[in-house]
Amino acid sequence: MNTPLRIEAVEHLEGTRIRVAFSNGRSGVADLQALLCGPLFAPLKQPGCFAGFELNAELGTITWPNGADLAPEAIYFQAFQDDPSLQETFQAWGYRAAAKSSGGSQR
């Protein structure tokens, strides 16, 4: 059984960028702008509101006072989406489409 991915430490950098450490030992920088869609996330597009997140140890991710949260896997993808060694993982999670066998790779 795989251990669920969890966020262990997080630091706000600027705007919607964070430095984040995960339970699998990897750390990186993620820009969460692309994940802030829909009415629950709309207020987080404001710098002061976004920076009000906290690490929720019970959930293993970051949460905001308005009830918004993001899956650790989504944040992990934002941090490491260009890492070639993780493409199969991202595909299994549904963050990447399978490469077409007749047309080369696509993003």
Protein backbone atom coordinates (compact mmCIF):
# COMPACT_ATOMS: atom_id res chain seq x y z
CA MET A 1 0.00 0.00 0.00
CA ASN A 2 1.30 3.46 -0.92
CA THR A 3 1.55 6.10 1.77
CA PRO A 4 -0.54 9.16 0.90
CA LEU A 5 1.43 12.22 -0.14
CA ARG A 6 1.34 14.94 2.52
CA ILE A 7 2.73 18.43 2.87
CA GLU A 8 5.09 18.75 5.83
CA ALA A 9 6.24 22.36 5.54
CA VAL A 10 5.21 25.40 3.52
CA GLU A 11 6.41 28.97 3.13
CA HIS A 12 4.79 31.81 1.20
CA LEU A 13 7.21 33.38 -1.28
CA GLU A 14 5.30 35.97 -3.32
CA GLY A 15 1.96 36.22 -5.06
CA THR A 16 0.67 32.68 -5.43
CA ARG A 17 4.09 31.02 -5.14
CA ILE A 18 5.03 28.79 -2.23
CA ARG A 19 8.04 26.73 -1.19
CA VAL A 20 6.78 23.34 -0.07
CA ALA A 21 8.23 20.16 1.46
CA PHE A 22 6.46 16.84 0.98
CA SER A 23 6.37 13.64 3.00
CA ASN A 24 8.32 11.79 0.30
CA GLY A 25 11.37 13.98 0.98
CA ARG A 26 11.05 16.25 -2.05
CA SER A 27 10.92 20.04 -1.77
CA GLY A 28 10.21 22.61 -4.44
CA VAL A 29 8.51 25.81 -5.44
CA ALA A 30 4.95 25.78 -6.78
CA ASP A 31 2.91 28.57 -8.34
CA LEU A 32 -0.69 27.82 -7.44
CA GLN A 33 -2.28 30.46 -9.71
CA ALA A 34 -3.58 27.83 -12.16
CA LEU A 35 -5.39 26.00 -9.33
CA LEU A 36 -7.35 29.02 -8.09
CA CYS A 37 -10.51 28.43 -10.13
CA GLY A 38 -14.14 28.70 -9.08
CA PRO A 39 -15.98 30.75 -6.50
CA LEU A 40 -14.31 29.23 -3.43
CA PHE A 41 -10.85 30.09 -4.75
CA ALA A 42 -11.68 33.52 -6.26
CA PRO A 43 -10.86 35.44 -3.05
CA LEU A 44 -7.45 33.74 -2.89
CA LYS A 45 -6.38 35.59 -6.03
CA GLN A 46 -5.96 38.62 -3.77
CA PRO A 47 -2.39 38.63 -2.36
CA GLY A 48 -3.41 39.32 1.24
CA CYS A 49 -5.99 36.54 1.25
CA PHE A 50 -3.75 33.97 -0.45
CA ALA A 51 -0.98 34.51 2.11
CA GLY A 52 -3.44 33.63 4.91
CA PHE A 53 -3.06 29.86 4.36
CA GLU A 54 -1.94 27.49 7.06
CA LEU A 55 -0.56 23.98 7.07
CA ASN A 56 -3.27 21.61 8.28
CA ALA A 57 -1.41 18.66 9.82
CA GLU A 58 -4.55 16.52 9.99
CA LEU A 59 -5.24 16.89 6.25
CA GLY A 60 -1.58 17.04 5.21
CA THR A 61 -2.17 20.08 3.01
CA ILE A 62 -2.68 23.81 3.14
CA THR A 63 -6.03 25.38 3.97
CA TRP A 64 -7.46 28.89 4.03
CA PRO A 65 -9.87 30.49 6.52
CA ASN A 66 -12.69 30.47 3.91
CA GLY A 67 -12.61 26.64 3.83
CA ALA A 68 -10.58 26.26 0.64
CA ASP A 69 -7.88 23.61 0.40
CA LEU A 70 -5.89 21.92 -2.33
CA ALA A 71 -4.93 18.27 -2.75
CA PRO A 72 -1.24 17.70 -1.96
CA GLU A 73 -0.94 15.90 -5.31
CA ALA A 74 -2.12 18.99 -7.19
CA ILE A 75 0.48 21.13 -5.42
CA TYR A 76 3.15 18.47 -6.07
CA PHE A 77 2.27 18.52 -9.76
CA GLN A 78 2.61 22.32 -9.86
CA ALA A 79 6.04 22.07 -8.23
CA PHE A 80 7.45 19.22 -10.32
CA GLN A 81 5.42 19.09 -13.54
CA ASP A 82 8.52 19.37 -15.74
CA ASP A 83 10.48 16.58 -14.00
CA PRO A 84 10.84 13.77 -16.58
CA SER A 85 11.15 11.12 -13.86
CA LEU A 86 7.65 11.94 -12.55
CA GLN A 87 5.66 11.88 -15.79
CA GLU A 88 4.31 8.35 -15.28
CA THR A 89 3.19 9.28 -11.77
CA PHE A 90 1.43 12.39 -13.04
CA GLN A 91 -0.22 10.35 -15.79
CA ALA A 92 -1.44 7.80 -13.22
CA TRP A 93 -2.86 10.65 -11.10
CA GLY A 94 -4.65 12.06 -14.17
CA TYR A 95 -2.54 15.23 -14.44
CA ARG A 96 -1.04 14.20 -17.79
CA ALA A 97 -2.69 12.61 -20.80
CA ALA A 98 -1.16 9.44 -22.15
CA ALA A 99 1.29 10.12 -24.97
CA LYS A 100 -0.16 9.21 -28.37
CA SER A 101 1.69 6.29 -29.90
CA SER A 102 1.58 7.68 -33.45
CA GLY A 103 2.27 11.33 -32.95
CA GLY A 104 5.11 11.86 -30.47
CA SER A 105 4.71 13.33 -27.05
CA GLN A 106 2.32 16.13 -26.19
CA ARG A 107 1.85 18.28 -23.13
